[in-house]
């Protein structure tokens, strides 16, 4: 993560019911949008996440974790169902849902991934990267 693109100071957030709260630090303001079928099914639409190097959670007993692939896991609040984070199992990065943060004013769209899987019913405007599934997986060394 480029240090120029870090938000100074930690940010806080919580799930819909407040049973899970968190503080995230070393946070990028760059919002990543995913159009893969798994994210769209899990969210009911595209995911919108920001990356943090550190995250501390309170109410961890309310966090359910689902291994959605061999290389990633997703978590949600067991009480209200709010999506909380996505993590690559081999990474320290937390992909936290942008809508969970108490202050979302510094977030900007940086890229869309799995752009070739995006259904035609919606579009995000702006000049940002749009990677196909193949381009994104190659960038991770997976494909």
N, C-alpha and C. Protein backbone atom coordinates (compact mmCIF):
# COMPACT_ATOMS: atom_id res chain seq x y z
N UNK A 1 0.86 -1.17 0.00
CA UNK A 1 0.00 0.00 0.00
C UNK A 1 0.90 1.23 0.00
N UNK A 2 0.62 2.16 -0.87
CA UNK A 2 1.38 3.40 -0.98
C UNK A 2 1.06 4.30 0.21
N UNK A 3 2.10 4.70 0.96
CA UNK A 3 1.87 5.49 2.17
C UNK A 3 1.26 6.85 1.86
N UNK A 4 1.45 7.36 0.64
CA UNK A 4 0.83 8.63 0.25
C UNK A 4 -0.68 8.49 0.26
N UNK A 5 -1.15 7.29 0.03
CA UNK A 5 -2.58 7.03 -0.06
C UNK A 5 -3.18 6.51 1.23
N UNK A 6 -2.54 6.76 2.35
CA UNK A 6 -3.09 6.32 3.63
C UNK A 6 -3.90 7.42 4.29
N UNK A 7 -4.93 7.00 4.96
CA UNK A 7 -5.74 7.90 5.78
C UNK A 7 -5.01 8.05 7.11
N UNK A 8 -4.82 9.28 7.54
CA UNK A 8 -4.12 9.47 8.82
C UNK A 8 -5.06 9.11 9.96
N UNK A 9 -4.52 8.36 10.89
CA UNK A 9 -5.30 7.96 12.05
C UNK A 9 -6.22 6.80 11.75
N UNK A 10 -6.64 6.08 12.77
CA UNK A 10 -7.56 4.96 12.57
C UNK A 10 -8.99 5.45 12.34
N UNK A 11 -9.79 4.59 11.72
CA UNK A 11 -11.21 4.83 11.53
C UNK A 11 -11.99 3.73 12.22
N UNK A 12 -13.18 4.06 12.66
CA UNK A 12 -14.04 3.10 13.36
C UNK A 12 -15.25 2.76 12.50
N UNK A 13 -15.88 1.65 12.86
CA UNK A 13 -17.08 1.25 12.15
C UNK A 13 -17.81 0.17 12.92
N UNK A 14 -18.95 -0.25 12.39
CA UNK A 14 -19.75 -1.29 13.04
C UNK A 14 -20.74 -1.89 12.07
N UNK A 15 -21.25 -3.05 12.45
CA UNK A 15 -22.28 -3.72 11.68
C UNK A 15 -23.62 -2.99 11.90
N UNK A 16 -24.65 -3.45 11.22
CA UNK A 16 -25.96 -2.82 11.29
C UNK A 16 -26.52 -2.80 12.71
N UNK A 17 -26.38 -3.88 13.45
CA UNK A 17 -26.95 -3.95 14.80
C UNK A 17 -26.00 -3.44 15.88
N UNK A 18 -24.73 -3.25 15.54
CA UNK A 18 -23.75 -2.76 16.51
C UNK A 18 -23.12 -3.84 17.38
N UNK A 19 -23.44 -5.10 17.12
CA UNK A 19 -22.85 -6.19 17.91
C UNK A 19 -21.37 -6.38 17.61
N UNK A 20 -20.94 -5.99 16.41
CA UNK A 20 -19.53 -6.05 16.03
C UNK A 20 -19.08 -4.62 15.71
N UNK A 21 -18.05 -4.18 16.41
CA UNK A 21 -17.44 -2.88 16.11
C UNK A 21 -15.97 -3.13 15.77
N UNK A 22 -15.36 -2.17 15.11
CA UNK A 22 -13.96 -2.33 14.76
C UNK A 22 -13.26 -0.98 14.66
N UNK A 23 -11.95 -1.05 14.79
CA UNK A 23 -11.06 0.07 14.53
C UNK A 23 -10.05 -0.41 13.51
N UNK A 24 -9.93 0.32 12.40
CA UNK A 24 -9.00 -0.05 11.33
C UNK A 24 -7.94 1.03 11.20
N UNK A 25 -6.70 0.58 10.97
CA UNK A 25 -5.61 1.54 10.78
C UNK A 25 -4.75 1.13 9.59
N UNK A 26 -3.84 2.02 9.24
CA UNK A 26 -3.06 1.87 8.01
C UNK A 26 -4.03 1.59 6.87
N UNK A 27 -4.97 2.49 6.72
CA UNK A 27 -6.12 2.33 5.83
C UNK A 27 -5.92 3.15 4.56
N UNK A 28 -6.23 2.53 3.44
CA UNK A 28 -6.19 3.23 2.16
C UNK A 28 -7.56 3.85 1.89
N UNK A 29 -7.59 5.03 1.30
CA UNK A 29 -8.88 5.63 0.92
C UNK A 29 -9.43 5.04 -0.38
N UNK A 30 -8.63 4.19 -1.03
CA UNK A 30 -9.00 3.64 -2.34
C UNK A 30 -10.03 2.53 -2.19
N UNK A 31 -11.21 2.75 -2.73
CA UNK A 31 -12.30 1.78 -2.66
C UNK A 31 -12.21 0.85 -3.86
N UNK A 32 -12.29 -0.45 -3.59
CA UNK A 32 -12.23 -1.47 -4.63
C UNK A 32 -13.60 -2.10 -4.80
N UNK A 33 -14.04 -2.17 -6.02
CA UNK A 33 -15.37 -2.70 -6.33
C UNK A 33 -15.20 -4.03 -7.06
N UNK A 34 -15.88 -5.06 -6.58
CA UNK A 34 -15.78 -6.38 -7.19
C UNK A 34 -17.14 -6.79 -7.77
N UNK A 35 -17.09 -7.26 -9.02
CA UNK A 35 -18.30 -7.69 -9.73
C UNK A 35 -18.36 -9.20 -9.92
N UNK A 36 -17.49 -9.96 -9.22
CA UNK A 36 -17.53 -11.41 -9.41
C UNK A 36 -18.88 -11.96 -8.96
N UNK A 37 -19.22 -13.12 -9.49
CA UNK A 37 -20.51 -13.72 -9.15
C UNK A 37 -20.65 -14.03 -7.67
N UNK A 38 -19.56 -14.42 -7.02
CA UNK A 38 -19.63 -14.74 -5.60
C UNK A 38 -19.93 -13.48 -4.78
N UNK A 39 -19.24 -12.39 -5.07
CA UNK A 39 -19.50 -11.14 -4.34
C UNK A 39 -20.92 -10.64 -4.59
N UNK A 40 -21.36 -10.69 -5.86
CA UNK A 40 -22.71 -10.21 -6.16
C UNK A 40 -23.77 -11.05 -5.46
N UNK A 41 -23.56 -12.36 -5.39
CA UNK A 41 -24.53 -13.22 -4.71
C UNK A 41 -24.51 -12.95 -3.21
N UNK A 42 -23.31 -12.78 -2.64
CA UNK A 42 -23.18 -12.56 -1.20
C UNK A 42 -23.72 -11.20 -0.78
N UNK A 43 -23.52 -10.20 -1.61
CA UNK A 43 -23.93 -8.83 -1.28
C UNK A 43 -25.28 -8.42 -1.85
N UNK A 44 -25.76 -9.11 -2.86
CA UNK A 44 -26.93 -8.66 -3.58
C UNK A 44 -26.55 -7.59 -4.58
N UNK A 45 -25.28 -7.42 -4.83
CA UNK A 45 -24.73 -6.42 -5.76
C UNK A 45 -23.22 -6.44 -5.61
N UNK A 46 -22.53 -5.51 -6.23
CA UNK A 46 -21.07 -5.52 -6.14
C UNK A 46 -20.59 -5.22 -4.73
N UNK A 47 -19.39 -5.72 -4.42
CA UNK A 47 -18.80 -5.37 -3.12
C UNK A 47 -18.02 -4.08 -3.28
N UNK A 48 -17.97 -3.30 -2.21
CA UNK A 48 -17.21 -2.05 -2.18
C UNK A 48 -16.39 -2.07 -0.90
N UNK A 49 -15.07 -2.31 -1.04
CA UNK A 49 -14.21 -2.48 0.12
C UNK A 49 -13.03 -1.51 0.09
N UNK A 50 -12.50 -1.25 1.28
CA UNK A 50 -11.24 -0.53 1.42
C UNK A 50 -10.29 -1.43 2.20
N UNK A 51 -8.99 -1.26 1.95
CA UNK A 51 -7.99 -2.15 2.52
C UNK A 51 -7.34 -1.51 3.74
N UNK A 52 -7.28 -2.28 4.82
CA UNK A 52 -6.58 -1.87 6.04
C UNK A 52 -5.51 -2.90 6.34
N UNK A 53 -4.38 -2.44 6.86
CA UNK A 53 -3.32 -3.36 7.28
C UNK A 53 -3.60 -3.92 8.66
N UNK A 54 -4.36 -3.18 9.46
CA UNK A 54 -4.69 -3.64 10.81
C UNK A 54 -6.17 -3.40 11.09
N UNK A 55 -6.78 -4.34 11.79
CA UNK A 55 -8.17 -4.19 12.23
C UNK A 55 -8.35 -4.92 13.55
N UNK A 56 -8.93 -4.23 14.52
CA UNK A 56 -9.26 -4.84 15.80
C UNK A 56 -10.78 -4.84 15.93
N UNK A 57 -11.30 -5.99 16.32
CA UNK A 57 -12.74 -6.16 16.42
C UNK A 57 -13.16 -6.34 17.87
N UNK A 58 -14.31 -5.78 18.21
CA UNK A 58 -14.98 -6.06 19.47
C UNK A 58 -16.28 -6.76 19.12
N UNK A 59 -16.68 -7.69 19.96
CA UNK A 59 -17.86 -8.51 19.66
C UNK A 59 -17.50 -9.67 18.75
N UNK A 60 -16.25 -10.13 18.87
CA UNK A 60 -15.77 -11.22 17.99
C UNK A 60 -16.62 -12.48 18.10
N UNK A 61 -17.28 -12.68 19.23
CA UNK A 61 -18.15 -13.87 19.37
C UNK A 61 -19.34 -13.81 18.41
N UNK A 62 -19.60 -12.64 17.82
CA UNK A 62 -20.69 -12.47 16.86
C UNK A 62 -20.23 -12.55 15.41
N UNK A 63 -18.95 -12.81 15.19
CA UNK A 63 -18.41 -12.88 13.83
C UNK A 63 -18.42 -14.33 13.35
N UNK A 64 -19.05 -14.57 12.23
CA UNK A 64 -19.02 -15.87 11.57
C UNK A 64 -18.11 -15.76 10.35
N UNK A 65 -17.22 -16.75 10.20
CA UNK A 65 -16.28 -16.74 9.09
C UNK A 65 -16.60 -17.91 8.17
N UNK A 66 -16.61 -17.61 6.87
CA UNK A 66 -16.90 -18.60 5.85
C UNK A 66 -15.71 -18.70 4.90
N UNK A 67 -15.15 -19.89 4.73
CA UNK A 67 -14.08 -20.12 3.76
C UNK A 67 -14.73 -20.22 2.38
N UNK A 68 -14.68 -19.14 1.62
CA UNK A 68 -15.38 -19.10 0.34
C UNK A 68 -14.56 -19.68 -0.81
N UNK A 69 -13.29 -19.92 -0.58
CA UNK A 69 -12.43 -20.58 -1.58
C UNK A 69 -11.20 -21.12 -0.86
N UNK A 70 -10.32 -21.76 -1.60
CA UNK A 70 -9.09 -22.27 -1.01
C UNK A 70 -8.19 -21.13 -0.53
N UNK A 71 -8.36 -19.94 -1.10
CA UNK A 71 -7.44 -18.84 -0.81
C UNK A 71 -8.07 -17.63 -0.14
N UNK A 72 -9.38 -17.67 0.16
CA UNK A 72 -10.02 -16.50 0.76
C UNK A 72 -11.13 -16.88 1.73
N UNK A 73 -11.43 -15.95 2.63
CA UNK A 73 -12.54 -16.14 3.57
C UNK A 73 -13.33 -14.84 3.67
N UNK A 74 -14.58 -14.98 4.05
CA UNK A 74 -15.50 -13.86 4.21
C UNK A 74 -16.08 -13.95 5.62
N UNK A 75 -16.42 -12.79 6.17
CA UNK A 75 -16.98 -12.78 7.52
C UNK A 75 -18.21 -11.88 7.57
N UNK A 76 -19.12 -12.22 8.48
CA UNK A 76 -20.34 -11.45 8.65
C UNK A 76 -20.78 -11.50 10.10
N UNK A 77 -21.63 -10.56 10.48
CA UNK A 77 -22.18 -10.54 11.83
C UNK A 77 -23.25 -11.63 11.92
N UNK A 78 -23.11 -12.52 12.89
CA UNK A 78 -24.06 -13.61 13.07
C UNK A 78 -25.42 -13.14 13.55
N UNK A 79 -25.49 -11.93 14.09
CA UNK A 79 -26.78 -11.42 14.59
C UNK A 79 -27.58 -10.72 13.50
N UNK A 80 -26.95 -9.76 12.78
CA UNK A 80 -27.71 -8.97 11.80
C UNK A 80 -27.39 -9.32 10.36
N UNK A 81 -26.33 -10.10 10.13
CA UNK A 81 -25.98 -10.52 8.79
C UNK A 81 -25.11 -9.56 8.00
N UNK A 82 -24.73 -8.43 8.59
CA UNK A 82 -23.88 -7.47 7.86
C UNK A 82 -22.57 -8.11 7.44
N UNK A 83 -22.20 -7.90 6.17
CA UNK A 83 -20.90 -8.35 5.70
C UNK A 83 -19.84 -7.48 6.36
N UNK A 84 -18.78 -8.11 6.87
CA UNK A 84 -17.75 -7.39 7.61
C UNK A 84 -16.44 -7.28 6.86
N UNK A 85 -15.91 -8.42 6.42
CA UNK A 85 -14.63 -8.36 5.72
C UNK A 85 -14.44 -9.54 4.80
N UNK A 86 -13.46 -9.35 3.94
CA UNK A 86 -12.95 -10.37 3.03
C UNK A 86 -11.45 -10.41 3.26
N UNK A 87 -10.86 -11.60 3.29
CA UNK A 87 -9.41 -11.74 3.50
C UNK A 87 -8.84 -12.84 2.63
N UNK A 88 -7.67 -12.55 2.04
CA UNK A 88 -6.89 -13.61 1.42
C UNK A 88 -6.22 -14.33 2.59
N UNK A 89 -6.29 -15.63 2.61
CA UNK A 89 -5.76 -16.40 3.74
C UNK A 89 -4.27 -16.20 3.97
N UNK A 90 -3.51 -15.91 2.90
CA UNK A 90 -2.07 -15.74 3.04
C UNK A 90 -1.67 -14.27 3.25
N UNK A 91 -2.62 -13.38 3.45
CA UNK A 91 -2.33 -11.95 3.54
C UNK A 91 -2.72 -11.38 4.91
N UNK A 92 -2.09 -10.29 5.25
CA UNK A 92 -2.45 -9.57 6.47
C UNK A 92 -3.48 -8.48 6.21
N UNK A 93 -3.82 -8.23 4.96
CA UNK A 93 -4.75 -7.15 4.61
C UNK A 93 -6.19 -7.52 4.94
N UNK A 94 -6.92 -6.52 5.39
CA UNK A 94 -8.35 -6.65 5.66
C UNK A 94 -9.09 -5.86 4.59
N UNK A 95 -9.97 -6.49 3.85
CA UNK A 95 -10.83 -5.80 2.90
C UNK A 95 -12.15 -5.58 3.63
N UNK A 96 -12.33 -4.37 4.13
CA UNK A 96 -13.50 -4.04 4.96
C UNK A 96 -14.55 -3.33 4.11
N UNK A 97 -15.81 -3.66 4.33
CA UNK A 97 -16.89 -3.05 3.56
C UNK A 97 -16.95 -1.55 3.86
N UNK A 98 -16.89 -0.76 2.80
CA UNK A 98 -16.83 0.70 2.93
C UNK A 98 -18.03 1.25 3.70
N UNK A 99 -19.19 0.66 3.52
CA UNK A 99 -20.40 1.14 4.16
C UNK A 99 -20.46 0.94 5.66
N UNK A 100 -19.54 0.18 6.23
CA UNK A 100 -19.52 -0.06 7.67
C UNK A 100 -18.87 1.08 8.45
N UNK A 101 -18.06 1.88 7.78
CA UNK A 101 -17.30 2.92 8.48
C UNK A 101 -18.18 4.08 8.92
N UNK A 102 -17.87 4.62 10.09
CA UNK A 102 -18.60 5.77 10.60
C UNK A 102 -18.33 7.01 9.74
N UNK A 103 -17.11 7.17 9.24
CA UNK A 103 -16.74 8.28 8.36
C UNK A 103 -16.27 7.71 7.04
N UNK A 104 -17.08 7.90 5.99
CA UNK A 104 -16.75 7.38 4.66
C UNK A 104 -16.32 8.49 3.71
N UNK A 105 -16.12 9.68 4.23
CA UNK A 105 -15.88 10.87 3.40
C UNK A 105 -14.58 10.85 2.63
N UNK A 106 -13.61 10.06 3.03
CA UNK A 106 -12.30 10.06 2.37
C UNK A 106 -12.17 8.97 1.30
N UNK A 107 -13.17 8.11 1.15
CA UNK A 107 -13.08 7.00 0.21
C UNK A 107 -13.36 7.46 -1.22
N UNK A 108 -12.54 6.95 -2.15
CA UNK A 108 -12.72 7.22 -3.58
C UNK A 108 -12.58 5.90 -4.33
N UNK A 109 -13.31 5.74 -5.43
CA UNK A 109 -13.21 4.52 -6.22
C UNK A 109 -11.84 4.47 -6.90
N UNK A 110 -11.12 3.36 -6.69
CA UNK A 110 -9.80 3.18 -7.28
C UNK A 110 -9.84 2.19 -8.44
N UNK A 111 -10.63 1.12 -8.28
CA UNK A 111 -10.69 0.13 -9.35
C UNK A 111 -11.92 -0.73 -9.22
N UNK A 112 -12.29 -1.31 -10.35
CA UNK A 112 -13.32 -2.33 -10.41
C UNK A 112 -12.64 -3.59 -10.91
N UNK A 113 -12.95 -4.72 -10.28
CA UNK A 113 -12.39 -5.99 -10.71
C UNK A 113 -13.51 -6.93 -11.14
N UNK A 114 -13.13 -7.94 -11.92
CA UNK A 114 -14.09 -8.84 -12.56
C UNK A 114 -15.07 -8.02 -13.39
N UNK A 115 -14.54 -6.99 -14.03
CA UNK A 115 -15.38 -6.07 -14.79
C UNK A 115 -16.12 -6.79 -15.92
N UNK A 116 -15.52 -7.84 -16.46
CA UNK A 116 -16.17 -8.60 -17.52
C UNK A 116 -17.36 -9.42 -17.01
N UNK A 117 -17.52 -9.52 -15.69
CA UNK A 117 -18.66 -10.24 -15.10
C UNK A 117 -19.78 -9.30 -14.65
N UNK A 118 -19.57 -7.98 -14.78
CA UNK A 118 -20.55 -7.00 -14.34
C UNK A 118 -21.82 -7.10 -15.19
N UNK A 119 -22.98 -7.22 -14.55
CA UNK A 119 -24.22 -7.23 -15.32
C UNK A 119 -24.49 -5.82 -15.89
N UNK A 120 -25.29 -5.73 -16.93
CA UNK A 120 -25.49 -4.43 -17.59
C UNK A 120 -26.37 -3.44 -16.83
N UNK A 121 -27.00 -3.84 -15.74
CA UNK A 121 -27.98 -3.00 -15.06
C UNK A 121 -27.44 -1.85 -14.23
N UNK A 122 -26.15 -1.73 -14.05
CA UNK A 122 -25.58 -0.62 -13.28
C UNK A 122 -24.18 -0.32 -13.79
N UNK A 123 -23.70 0.89 -13.50
CA UNK A 123 -22.35 1.31 -13.87
C UNK A 123 -21.85 2.34 -12.88
N UNK A 124 -20.55 2.32 -12.62
CA UNK A 124 -19.91 3.33 -11.80
C UNK A 124 -19.16 4.28 -12.73
N UNK A 125 -19.35 5.56 -12.53
CA UNK A 125 -18.67 6.54 -13.37
C UNK A 125 -17.28 6.82 -12.83
N UNK A 126 -16.49 7.52 -13.60
CA UNK A 126 -15.18 7.93 -13.16
C UNK A 126 -14.07 7.28 -13.96
N UNK A 127 -12.90 7.86 -13.84
CA UNK A 127 -11.72 7.37 -14.54
C UNK A 127 -10.88 6.56 -13.56
N UNK A 128 -11.10 5.25 -13.52
CA UNK A 128 -10.37 4.35 -12.64
C UNK A 128 -10.16 3.03 -13.36
N UNK A 129 -9.26 2.21 -12.85
CA UNK A 129 -8.95 0.92 -13.47
C UNK A 129 -10.17 0.01 -13.46
N UNK A 130 -10.30 -0.74 -14.55
CA UNK A 130 -11.35 -1.74 -14.68
C UNK A 130 -10.69 -3.02 -15.20
N UNK A 131 -10.50 -3.99 -14.29
CA UNK A 131 -9.78 -5.22 -14.63
C UNK A 131 -10.74 -6.37 -14.87
N UNK A 132 -10.45 -7.15 -15.91
CA UNK A 132 -11.23 -8.36 -16.15
C UNK A 132 -10.85 -9.41 -15.10
N UNK A 133 -11.60 -10.50 -15.06
CA UNK A 133 -11.28 -11.59 -14.14
C UNK A 133 -9.86 -12.10 -14.39
N UNK A 134 -9.52 -12.33 -15.65
CA UNK A 134 -8.20 -12.85 -15.99
C UNK A 134 -7.09 -11.88 -15.57
N UNK A 135 -7.26 -10.59 -15.84
CA UNK A 135 -6.26 -9.59 -15.47
C UNK A 135 -6.07 -9.53 -13.96
N UNK A 136 -7.17 -9.59 -13.21
CA UNK A 136 -7.08 -9.52 -11.75
C UNK A 136 -6.39 -10.76 -11.18
N UNK A 137 -6.79 -11.94 -11.61
CA UNK A 137 -6.19 -13.17 -11.10
C UNK A 137 -4.69 -13.25 -11.45
N UNK A 138 -4.33 -12.77 -12.62
CA UNK A 138 -2.91 -12.72 -12.99
C UNK A 138 -2.15 -11.78 -12.06
N UNK A 139 -2.77 -10.66 -11.67
CA UNK A 139 -2.11 -9.71 -10.79
C UNK A 139 -1.84 -10.33 -9.41
N UNK A 140 -2.63 -11.33 -9.02
CA UNK A 140 -2.44 -12.04 -7.75
C UNK A 140 -1.53 -13.25 -7.89
N UNK A 141 -1.19 -13.60 -9.12
CA UNK A 141 -0.39 -14.79 -9.35
C UNK A 141 -1.19 -16.07 -9.26
N UNK A 142 -2.51 -15.96 -9.38
CA UNK A 142 -3.39 -17.13 -9.26
C UNK A 142 -3.66 -17.76 -10.62
N UNK A 143 -3.75 -16.96 -11.67
CA UNK A 143 -4.03 -17.51 -13.01
C UNK A 143 -2.81 -17.44 -13.90
